[in-house]
N, C-alpha and C. Protein backbone atom coordinates (compact mmCIF):
# COMPACT_ATOMS: atom_id res chain seq x y z
N LEU A 1 0.72 -1.34 0.05
CA LEU A 1 0.11 -0.02 -0.26
C LEU A 1 1.16 1.11 -0.10
N PHE A 2 0.58 1.95 -0.97
CA PHE A 2 0.99 3.29 -0.72
C PHE A 2 0.42 4.58 -0.63
N THR A 3 0.99 5.55 -0.36
CA THR A 3 0.21 6.80 -0.12
C THR A 3 1.36 7.89 -0.24
N GLN A 4 0.63 8.96 -0.83
CA GLN A 4 1.41 9.91 -1.26
C GLN A 4 0.69 11.20 -0.10
N MET A 5 1.42 12.26 0.35
CA MET A 5 0.84 13.42 0.68
C MET A 5 1.72 14.54 0.77
N HIS A 6 1.58 15.57 0.45
CA HIS A 6 2.20 16.51 0.06
C HIS A 6 1.55 17.97 1.08
N ALA A 7 3.10 18.67 1.55
CA ALA A 7 3.24 19.92 2.25
C ALA A 7 4.44 21.04 1.75
N CYS A 8 4.44 21.84 1.33
CA CYS A 8 5.88 22.62 1.15
C CYS A 8 6.61 21.46 0.03
N ASP A 9 6.71 21.15 -0.89
CA ASP A 9 7.35 20.17 -1.96
C ASP A 9 7.79 18.89 -0.79
N VAL A 10 6.95 18.88 -0.02
CA VAL A 10 7.88 17.46 0.68
C VAL A 10 6.64 16.58 0.19
N SER A 11 7.37 15.51 -0.44
CA SER A 11 6.30 14.06 -0.17
C SER A 11 6.23 12.99 1.04
N CYS A 12 5.78 12.46 1.37
CA CYS A 12 5.62 11.72 2.34
C CYS A 12 5.28 9.72 1.67
N ILE A 13 6.05 9.05 1.50
CA ILE A 13 5.63 7.63 1.08
C ILE A 13 5.42 6.46 2.30
N VAL A 14 4.31 5.50 2.63
CA VAL A 14 4.10 5.20 3.74
C VAL A 14 4.31 3.83 3.12
N LEU A 15 5.14 2.86 4.02
CA LEU A 15 5.53 1.45 3.55
C LEU A 15 4.55 0.82 4.56
N VAL A 16 3.94 -0.21 4.19
CA VAL A 16 2.75 -0.97 5.16
C VAL A 16 2.79 -2.30 4.71
N THR A 17 3.64 -2.90 6.33
CA THR A 17 4.04 -4.93 5.65
C THR A 17 3.40 -5.25 7.09
N ILE A 18 2.81 -6.60 6.60
CA ILE A 18 2.78 -7.32 7.56
C ILE A 18 3.47 -8.53 7.53
N THR A 19 4.53 -8.53 8.99
CA THR A 19 5.29 -9.57 9.23
C THR A 19 4.89 -10.99 9.41
N ARG A 20 5.30 -11.88 8.77
CA ARG A 20 4.73 -13.16 9.15
C ARG A 20 5.19 -13.86 10.19
N ALA A 21 6.09 -13.51 10.91
CA ALA A 21 6.60 -14.28 11.78
C ALA A 21 5.59 -13.33 13.19
N THR A 22 5.21 -12.12 13.64
CA THR A 22 4.53 -11.57 13.95
C THR A 22 3.33 -11.23 13.59
N SER A 23 2.69 -11.25 12.62
CA SER A 23 1.23 -10.91 12.31
C SER A 23 0.67 -9.58 12.68
N LYS A 24 1.97 -9.00 13.36
CA LYS A 24 1.85 -6.76 13.31
C LYS A 24 2.09 -5.97 11.98
N LEU A 25 1.24 -5.06 12.11
CA LEU A 25 1.34 -4.13 10.88
C LEU A 25 3.10 -3.18 11.42
N LEU A 26 3.42 -2.90 10.49
CA LEU A 26 5.02 -2.18 10.38
C LEU A 26 4.59 -1.22 9.13
N VAL A 27 4.16 0.09 10.04
CA VAL A 27 4.45 1.25 9.01
C VAL A 27 5.31 2.24 9.05
N ILE A 28 6.23 2.68 7.98
CA ILE A 28 6.97 2.86 7.64
C ILE A 28 7.13 4.68 7.20
N ALA A 29 7.01 5.69 7.55
CA ALA A 29 6.68 6.59 7.31
C ALA A 29 7.76 7.43 6.52
N MET A 30 8.10 7.96 5.33
CA MET A 30 9.16 8.36 5.38
C MET A 30 9.50 9.76 4.17
N PRO A 31 9.43 10.73 4.87
CA PRO A 31 9.06 11.99 3.85
C PRO A 31 10.23 12.42 3.70
N PHE A 32 10.28 13.80 2.44
CA PHE A 32 11.57 13.51 2.08
C PHE A 32 11.02 14.63 0.76
N GLU A 33 12.32 15.30 0.16
CA GLU A 33 11.73 17.10 -0.64
C GLU A 33 12.00 16.39 -1.88
N ILE A 34 11.30 17.41 -2.48
CA ILE A 34 11.00 17.47 -3.98
C ILE A 34 11.80 18.98 -4.65
N ASP A 35 12.69 18.57 -5.36
CA ASP A 35 12.84 19.86 -5.96
C ASP A 35 11.60 20.01 -6.85
N PRO A 36 11.79 21.64 -6.88
CA PRO A 36 10.53 21.90 -8.20
C PRO A 36 10.74 22.00 -9.15
N SER A 37 11.59 21.84 -9.74
CA SER A 37 11.87 20.84 -11.28
C SER A 37 11.33 19.54 -11.51
N LEU A 38 11.27 19.05 -10.47
CA LEU A 38 10.69 17.49 -11.15
C LEU A 38 9.05 17.49 -10.71
N GLU A 39 8.54 18.57 -10.36
CA GLU A 39 6.94 18.79 -10.37
C GLU A 39 6.22 17.52 -11.22
N SER A 40 6.85 17.41 -12.40
CA SER A 40 6.12 17.07 -14.10
C SER A 40 6.55 15.59 -13.90
N TYR A 41 7.61 14.86 -12.59
CA TYR A 41 7.49 13.64 -12.22
C TYR A 41 7.12 13.52 -11.01
N ASP A 42 6.11 14.06 -10.69
CA ASP A 42 5.12 13.79 -9.07
C ASP A 42 4.01 13.28 -9.59
N ILE A 43 3.70 12.08 -10.68
CA ILE A 43 2.66 11.94 -11.49
C ILE A 43 2.72 10.28 -10.76
N THR A 44 1.41 9.61 -11.40
CA THR A 44 1.31 8.25 -11.24
C THR A 44 1.83 7.56 -12.13
N THR A 45 2.00 6.48 -12.25
CA THR A 45 3.05 5.74 -13.38
C THR A 45 1.88 5.48 -14.57
N THR A 46 0.77 5.81 -13.98
CA THR A 46 -0.88 5.44 -15.39
C THR A 46 -0.56 6.98 -15.53
N GLN A 47 -0.40 7.67 -15.17
CA GLN A 47 -0.90 9.52 -15.97
C GLN A 47 0.55 9.30 -16.67
N TYR A 48 1.59 8.99 -16.25
CA TYR A 48 2.95 9.07 -17.25
C TYR A 48 2.70 8.36 -18.35
N VAL A 49 2.12 7.15 -18.35
CA VAL A 49 2.33 6.55 -19.38
C VAL A 49 0.80 6.93 -20.59
N SER A 50 0.22 7.56 -20.07
CA SER A 50 -0.91 8.06 -20.26
C SER A 50 -0.39 9.27 -21.91
N GLN A 51 0.53 9.97 -20.88
CA GLN A 51 1.01 11.11 -21.65
C GLN A 51 1.88 10.87 -22.74
N SER A 52 2.50 9.75 -22.78
CA SER A 52 3.88 9.24 -23.39
C SER A 52 3.79 8.64 -24.49
N THR A 53 4.69 8.68 -25.91
CA THR A 53 4.24 7.58 -26.66
C THR A 53 5.52 6.55 -26.66
N PRO A 54 5.58 5.65 -26.82
CA PRO A 54 4.30 5.19 -27.59
C PRO A 54 4.02 3.90 -26.99
N PRO A 55 2.92 3.70 -27.41
CA PRO A 55 1.19 3.36 -26.38
C PRO A 55 2.10 2.21 -25.56
N GLY A 56 1.65 2.04 -24.53
CA GLY A 56 1.82 0.89 -23.61
C GLY A 56 3.20 0.42 -23.27
N LEU A 57 4.07 1.86 -23.31
CA LEU A 57 5.11 1.72 -22.72
C LEU A 57 5.43 1.40 -20.78
N ARG A 58 6.12 0.54 -20.81
CA ARG A 58 6.37 0.06 -19.61
C ARG A 58 7.62 1.00 -18.76
N VAL A 59 7.56 1.19 -17.56
CA VAL A 59 7.92 2.41 -16.66
C VAL A 59 8.79 1.33 -15.52
N CYS A 60 10.31 1.67 -15.64
CA CYS A 60 10.83 1.75 -14.53
C CYS A 60 11.81 3.10 -13.76
N VAL A 61 12.43 2.84 -12.74
CA VAL A 61 13.45 4.08 -12.14
C VAL A 61 14.13 3.37 -11.80
N CYS A 62 15.30 4.62 -11.25
CA CYS A 62 16.13 4.14 -10.52
C CYS A 62 17.20 5.21 -9.78
N ALA A 63 17.79 4.88 -8.72
CA ALA A 63 18.02 5.89 -7.84
C ALA A 63 19.61 6.01 -7.59
N ASN A 64 20.54 7.22 -7.93
CA ASN A 64 21.21 7.06 -8.14
C ASN A 64 21.58 7.88 -6.63
N VAL A 65 22.78 7.09 -6.32
CA VAL A 65 23.34 7.68 -5.09
C VAL A 65 24.74 8.19 -4.68
N TYR A 66 25.25 9.23 -4.52
CA TYR A 66 26.42 9.67 -4.89
C TYR A 66 27.35 9.95 -3.14
N VAL A 67 28.43 9.39 -2.78
CA VAL A 67 28.95 9.32 -1.43
C VAL A 67 30.22 9.33 -1.58
N HIS A 68 30.96 10.58 -0.71
CA HIS A 68 32.06 10.80 -1.38
C HIS A 68 33.03 10.32 -2.42
N ASP A 69 32.50 11.01 -3.81
CA ASP A 69 32.56 10.36 -4.98
C ASP A 69 32.53 9.29 -5.58
N LEU A 70 31.89 8.41 -4.72
CA LEU A 70 31.45 6.98 -5.00
C LEU A 70 29.80 7.05 -5.49
N THR A 71 29.70 5.88 -6.29
CA THR A 71 28.11 5.93 -6.52
C THR A 71 27.62 4.32 -6.40
N LEU A 72 26.16 4.69 -5.65
CA LEU A 72 26.17 3.28 -4.69
C LEU A 72 25.55 2.17 -6.01
N ILE A 73 25.64 1.03 -5.99
CA ILE A 73 25.48 -0.01 -6.87
C ILE A 73 25.01 -1.24 -6.01
N VAL A 74 24.15 -1.96 -6.59
CA VAL A 74 23.67 -3.14 -5.91
C VAL A 74 23.83 -4.29 -6.70
N GLN A 75 23.87 -5.52 -6.68
CA GLN A 75 23.70 -6.78 -7.15
C GLN A 75 22.19 -7.17 -6.83
N ARG A 76 21.62 -7.48 -8.52
CA ARG A 76 21.04 -8.42 -8.74
C ARG A 76 21.03 -9.83 -7.97
N ALA A 77 19.87 -10.00 -7.72
CA ALA A 77 20.21 -11.94 -6.85
C ALA A 77 20.29 -12.87 -8.62
N ALA A 78 20.24 -13.86 -7.94
CA ALA A 78 20.83 -14.97 -8.83
C ALA A 78 19.45 -15.48 -9.85
N HIS A 79 18.36 -15.35 -8.77
CA HIS A 79 17.19 -15.82 -9.07
C HIS A 79 16.11 -14.68 -10.38
N ASP A 80 16.70 -13.31 -9.76
CA ASP A 80 16.01 -12.11 -10.95
C ASP A 80 16.51 -12.21 -12.33
N SER A 81 15.75 -11.73 -13.40
CA SER A 81 16.04 -11.45 -14.78
C SER A 81 17.59 -10.89 -14.72
N LEU A 82 18.32 -10.82 -15.39
CA LEU A 82 19.68 -10.24 -15.37
C LEU A 82 20.53 -10.58 -14.12
N PRO A 83 20.54 -11.58 -13.71
CA PRO A 83 21.24 -12.48 -12.54
C PRO A 83 22.68 -11.91 -12.33
N LEU A 84 22.72 -11.64 -11.44
CA LEU A 84 24.26 -11.46 -10.69
C LEU A 84 24.35 -10.04 -11.68
N HIS A 85 23.76 -9.35 -11.80
CA HIS A 85 23.97 -8.03 -12.87
C HIS A 85 24.58 -6.53 -11.71
N TRP A 86 25.34 -5.89 -11.60
CA TRP A 86 25.54 -4.66 -10.63
C TRP A 86 24.77 -3.28 -11.32
N GLU A 87 23.75 -2.64 -10.40
CA GLU A 87 23.04 -1.51 -11.01
C GLU A 87 22.67 -0.50 -10.05
N ALA A 88 22.21 0.59 -10.17
CA ALA A 88 21.24 1.25 -9.31
C ALA A 88 20.30 0.50 -8.25
N PRO A 89 20.06 0.78 -7.37
CA PRO A 89 19.01 0.93 -6.99
C PRO A 89 17.65 0.96 -7.44
N GLY A 90 16.87 0.40 -8.22
CA GLY A 90 15.47 0.72 -8.70
C GLY A 90 14.48 -0.51 -9.25
N GLY A 91 13.61 -0.26 -10.28
CA GLY A 91 12.19 -1.26 -9.98
C GLY A 91 11.32 -0.28 -10.70
N THR A 92 10.83 -1.27 -11.00
CA THR A 92 8.67 -1.17 -11.81
C THR A 92 8.25 -0.42 -11.09
N ALA A 93 7.09 0.92 -11.54
CA ALA A 93 6.47 1.18 -10.83
C ALA A 93 5.47 0.87 -11.01
N GLU A 94 4.77 0.98 -9.46
CA GLU A 94 3.55 0.63 -9.57
C GLU A 94 2.25 1.57 -10.12
N PRO A 95 0.85 1.02 -10.84
CA PRO A 95 0.73 1.67 -11.62
C PRO A 95 -0.54 3.12 -10.86
N ASP A 96 -0.57 3.27 -9.67
CA ASP A 96 -0.69 4.11 -9.04
C ASP A 96 0.22 4.71 -8.10
N GLU A 97 1.39 4.53 -8.35
CA GLU A 97 2.10 5.09 -7.57
C GLU A 97 3.12 6.16 -8.19
N THR A 98 3.77 7.43 -7.61
CA THR A 98 4.01 8.31 -8.53
C THR A 98 5.66 8.07 -8.75
N LEU A 99 6.05 8.23 -9.99
CA LEU A 99 7.41 7.90 -10.63
C LEU A 99 8.49 7.85 -9.48
N LEU A 100 8.66 9.22 -8.81
CA LEU A 100 9.24 9.66 -7.46
C LEU A 100 9.43 9.06 -6.05
N ASN A 101 8.03 8.42 -5.76
CA ASN A 101 7.28 7.78 -4.60
C ASN A 101 8.68 6.16 -5.13
N THR A 102 8.34 6.05 -6.17
CA THR A 102 8.93 4.56 -6.49
C THR A 102 10.38 4.61 -6.54
N ALA A 103 11.13 5.62 -7.08
CA ALA A 103 12.84 5.71 -6.56
C ALA A 103 12.86 5.45 -5.37
N VAL A 104 12.03 6.45 -4.47
CA VAL A 104 12.16 6.23 -2.86
C VAL A 104 12.32 4.87 -2.14
N ARG A 105 11.18 4.20 -2.47
CA ARG A 105 11.14 3.66 -2.02
C ARG A 105 11.44 2.08 -2.25
N GLU A 106 11.78 2.30 -3.82
CA GLU A 106 13.31 1.17 -4.39
C GLU A 106 14.46 1.33 -3.57
N LEU A 107 14.79 2.51 -3.68
CA LEU A 107 15.98 2.40 -2.61
C LEU A 107 16.06 2.01 -1.37
N TYR A 108 14.89 2.41 -0.93
CA TYR A 108 14.91 1.79 0.40
C TYR A 108 14.66 0.34 0.68
N GLU A 109 14.05 -0.16 -0.28
CA GLU A 109 14.03 -1.60 -0.05
C GLU A 109 14.96 -2.17 -0.31
N GLU A 110 15.68 -2.21 -1.33
CA GLU A 110 16.95 -2.35 -1.85
C GLU A 110 18.10 -2.16 -0.90
N THR A 111 18.14 -1.15 -0.46
CA THR A 111 19.33 -0.74 0.48
C THR A 111 19.06 -0.63 1.86
N GLY A 112 18.22 0.01 2.10
CA GLY A 112 17.63 0.44 3.76
C GLY A 112 18.33 1.96 3.81
N LEU A 113 17.97 2.64 2.92
CA LEU A 113 18.56 4.04 2.42
C LEU A 113 17.28 4.72 2.90
N ARG A 114 17.29 6.06 3.56
CA ARG A 114 15.95 6.67 3.13
C ARG A 114 16.84 8.06 2.65
N ALA A 115 15.56 8.21 1.48
CA ALA A 115 16.14 9.61 0.99
C ALA A 115 15.51 10.91 1.87
N LYS A 116 16.31 11.72 1.69
CA LYS A 116 15.87 13.31 2.06
C LYS A 116 15.85 14.03 1.07
N ARG A 117 15.81 14.04 -0.26
CA ARG A 117 16.02 14.71 -1.28
C ARG A 117 15.94 13.72 -2.75
N VAL A 118 14.72 14.45 -3.30
CA VAL A 118 15.12 14.16 -4.59
C VAL A 118 15.97 15.21 -5.72
N VAL A 119 16.66 15.11 -6.39
CA VAL A 119 17.05 16.21 -6.41
C VAL A 119 17.39 16.41 -8.01
N SER A 120 17.49 15.85 -8.75
CA SER A 120 17.52 16.13 -10.14
C SER A 120 17.01 14.58 -10.90
N LEU A 121 16.43 15.22 -12.29
CA LEU A 121 16.14 13.36 -13.31
C LEU A 121 17.51 13.77 -13.71
N LEU A 122 18.47 12.28 -14.11
CA LEU A 122 19.63 12.34 -14.63
C LEU A 122 19.52 11.53 -15.89
N ALA A 123 18.58 10.55 -16.15
CA ALA A 123 18.42 10.61 -17.65
C ALA A 123 17.21 9.57 -17.44
N ILE A 124 17.01 9.66 -19.14
CA ILE A 124 15.95 9.03 -19.50
C ILE A 124 16.48 8.16 -20.45
N ASN A 125 16.06 6.89 -20.79
CA ASN A 125 16.61 5.83 -21.62
C ASN A 125 15.51 5.24 -22.11
N ASP A 126 15.44 4.62 -23.35
CA ASP A 126 13.94 4.07 -23.97
C ASP A 126 14.59 2.48 -24.79
N ALA A 127 14.31 1.43 -24.25
CA ALA A 127 15.08 0.29 -24.60
C ALA A 127 13.80 -0.73 -25.09
N ALA A 128 13.87 -1.56 -26.22
CA ALA A 128 13.02 -2.31 -26.33
C ALA A 128 13.51 -4.02 -26.09
N CYS A 129 12.64 -4.09 -25.34
CA CYS A 129 13.29 -5.82 -24.91
C CYS A 129 12.02 -6.74 -25.67
N ILE A 130 12.52 -7.86 -26.04
CA ILE A 130 11.79 -8.94 -26.07
C ILE A 130 11.18 -9.71 -24.28
N SER A 131 9.96 -9.76 -23.91
CA SER A 131 9.00 -9.92 -23.06
C SER A 131 9.67 -11.93 -22.36
N SER A 132 9.91 -12.16 -21.60
CA SER A 132 10.33 -13.23 -21.15
C SER A 132 8.71 -14.03 -20.90
N ARG A 133 7.55 -13.48 -20.54
CA ARG A 133 6.65 -14.35 -20.04
C ARG A 133 5.96 -14.21 -21.46
N THR A 134 5.58 -13.19 -22.61
CA THR A 134 4.78 -13.19 -23.87
C THR A 134 5.70 -13.82 -24.77
N GLY A 135 6.94 -13.29 -24.96
CA GLY A 135 8.05 -13.58 -26.06
C GLY A 135 7.60 -12.25 -27.08
N GLN A 136 6.90 -10.90 -26.98
CA GLN A 136 6.75 -10.23 -27.64
C GLN A 136 7.46 -9.00 -27.09
N GLU A 137 7.73 -8.37 -27.97
CA GLU A 137 8.56 -7.05 -27.77
C GLU A 137 7.65 -5.65 -26.70
N GLU A 138 8.52 -5.41 -25.61
CA GLU A 138 7.83 -4.56 -25.23
C GLU A 138 8.95 -2.97 -25.29
N MET A 139 8.38 -2.01 -24.88
CA MET A 139 9.07 -0.76 -25.22
C MET A 139 9.30 -0.45 -23.08
N TRP A 140 10.60 0.04 -23.14
CA TRP A 140 10.59 0.24 -21.62
C TRP A 140 11.32 2.00 -21.71
N ARG A 141 10.78 2.51 -20.76
CA ARG A 141 11.60 3.53 -20.05
C ARG A 141 11.89 3.64 -19.05
N LYS A 142 13.37 3.83 -18.48
CA LYS A 142 13.87 3.88 -17.14
C LYS A 142 14.39 5.20 -16.74
N LEU A 143 13.98 5.87 -15.76
CA LEU A 143 14.10 7.47 -15.33
C LEU A 143 15.42 7.48 -14.07
N THR A 144 16.01 7.95 -14.35
CA THR A 144 17.04 7.70 -13.35
C THR A 144 17.25 9.14 -13.00
N PHE A 145 16.72 9.13 -11.19
CA PHE A 145 16.84 10.05 -10.45
C PHE A 145 18.04 10.04 -9.44
N LEU A 146 18.86 11.41 -9.28
CA LEU A 146 19.48 12.05 -8.21
C LEU A 146 19.05 11.87 -6.65
N ILE A 147 19.11 11.20 -5.77
CA ILE A 147 18.37 10.96 -4.55
C ILE A 147 19.51 11.33 -3.36
N GLU A 148 19.42 12.39 -2.85
CA GLU A 148 20.08 12.60 -1.19
C GLU A 148 19.43 12.07 -0.45
N VAL A 149 20.40 11.33 0.32
CA VAL A 149 19.98 10.25 1.49
C VAL A 149 19.92 10.74 2.63
N GLU A 150 19.60 10.19 3.88
CA GLU A 150 20.05 10.51 4.97
C GLU A 150 21.01 10.09 5.02
N SER A 151 21.76 10.64 6.32
CA SER A 151 23.41 10.73 6.88
C SER A 151 23.28 8.81 6.19
N ILE A 152 25.11 8.38 5.70
CA ILE A 152 25.62 7.64 5.55
C ILE A 152 26.72 7.22 5.98
N ASN A 153 27.00 6.03 7.20
CA ASN A 153 28.39 6.55 8.00
C ASN A 153 28.76 5.11 6.95
N SER A 154 29.97 6.11 6.45
CA SER A 154 31.17 5.02 5.44
C SER A 154 31.91 3.97 6.83
N GLY A 155 31.59 4.07 8.00
CA GLY A 155 32.60 2.89 8.50
C GLY A 155 33.82 3.05 8.99
N ASP A 156 34.18 4.77 8.93
CA ASP A 156 35.30 5.54 9.17
C ASP A 156 35.48 5.76 10.38
N SER A 157 36.01 5.48 11.51
CA SER A 157 35.46 6.24 12.77
C SER A 157 36.35 7.69 12.47
N ASN A 158 37.10 8.14 11.33
CA ASN A 158 37.69 9.52 11.96
C ASN A 158 36.69 10.66 10.87
N ASP A 159 35.87 9.60 10.25
CA ASP A 159 34.40 10.82 9.45
C ASP A 159 33.97 11.49 9.94
N ASN A 160 33.69 12.97 9.61
CA ASN A 160 32.72 13.77 10.42
C ASN A 160 31.41 13.04 10.19
N ASP A 161 30.31 13.09 10.33
CA ASP A 161 28.66 12.63 10.71
C ASP A 161 28.02 14.33 10.31
N ASP A 162 28.86 15.11 9.18
CA ASP A 162 28.54 16.23 8.05
C ASP A 162 28.24 16.60 6.80
N ASP A 163 29.10 15.17 6.33
CA ASP A 163 28.58 14.75 4.78
C ASP A 163 26.58 15.47 4.40
N ASP A 164 26.80 15.22 2.94
CA ASP A 164 25.80 16.18 2.70
C ASP A 164 25.12 14.90 2.16
N GLY A 165 25.25 13.43 2.31
CA GLY A 165 24.60 12.52 2.11
C GLY A 165 24.43 11.99 0.54
N ARG A 166 25.03 12.63 -0.33
CA ARG A 166 25.05 12.24 -1.66
C ARG A 166 26.38 11.97 -2.47
């Protein structure tokens, strides 16, 4: 379940999970800021696809995070498509989830990092792929966002905790 709230260019994604072990509801609220230049991407995937060509476009997003001149990448699971490949955190947007919320959610799900601010759109890439389910060609669009995260501790005890999290 995803919900979104707005107040002064701040969004909030709420993740609701029922844990198997305890059957308790876990709610994680993650407020984050949106750069005003990104307002046109603060729409649902359904809305974005309806405004895009070609018809039937599939959408995924990724979150680029830079810390101390390093880029965060994660490795795909061995059972995923493109097994064991390295890439920026990201994934498929749900139909009623905004593109920006998708980037923030995927970043959290794959790394545990919480977004502080979605800073900019870095790239839009289109690719034609053959679906493993249908064998038909699908057109995919990947939107890559630069995301500033809450504090990251690099593990160096000499680091100050005043880095900007990018």
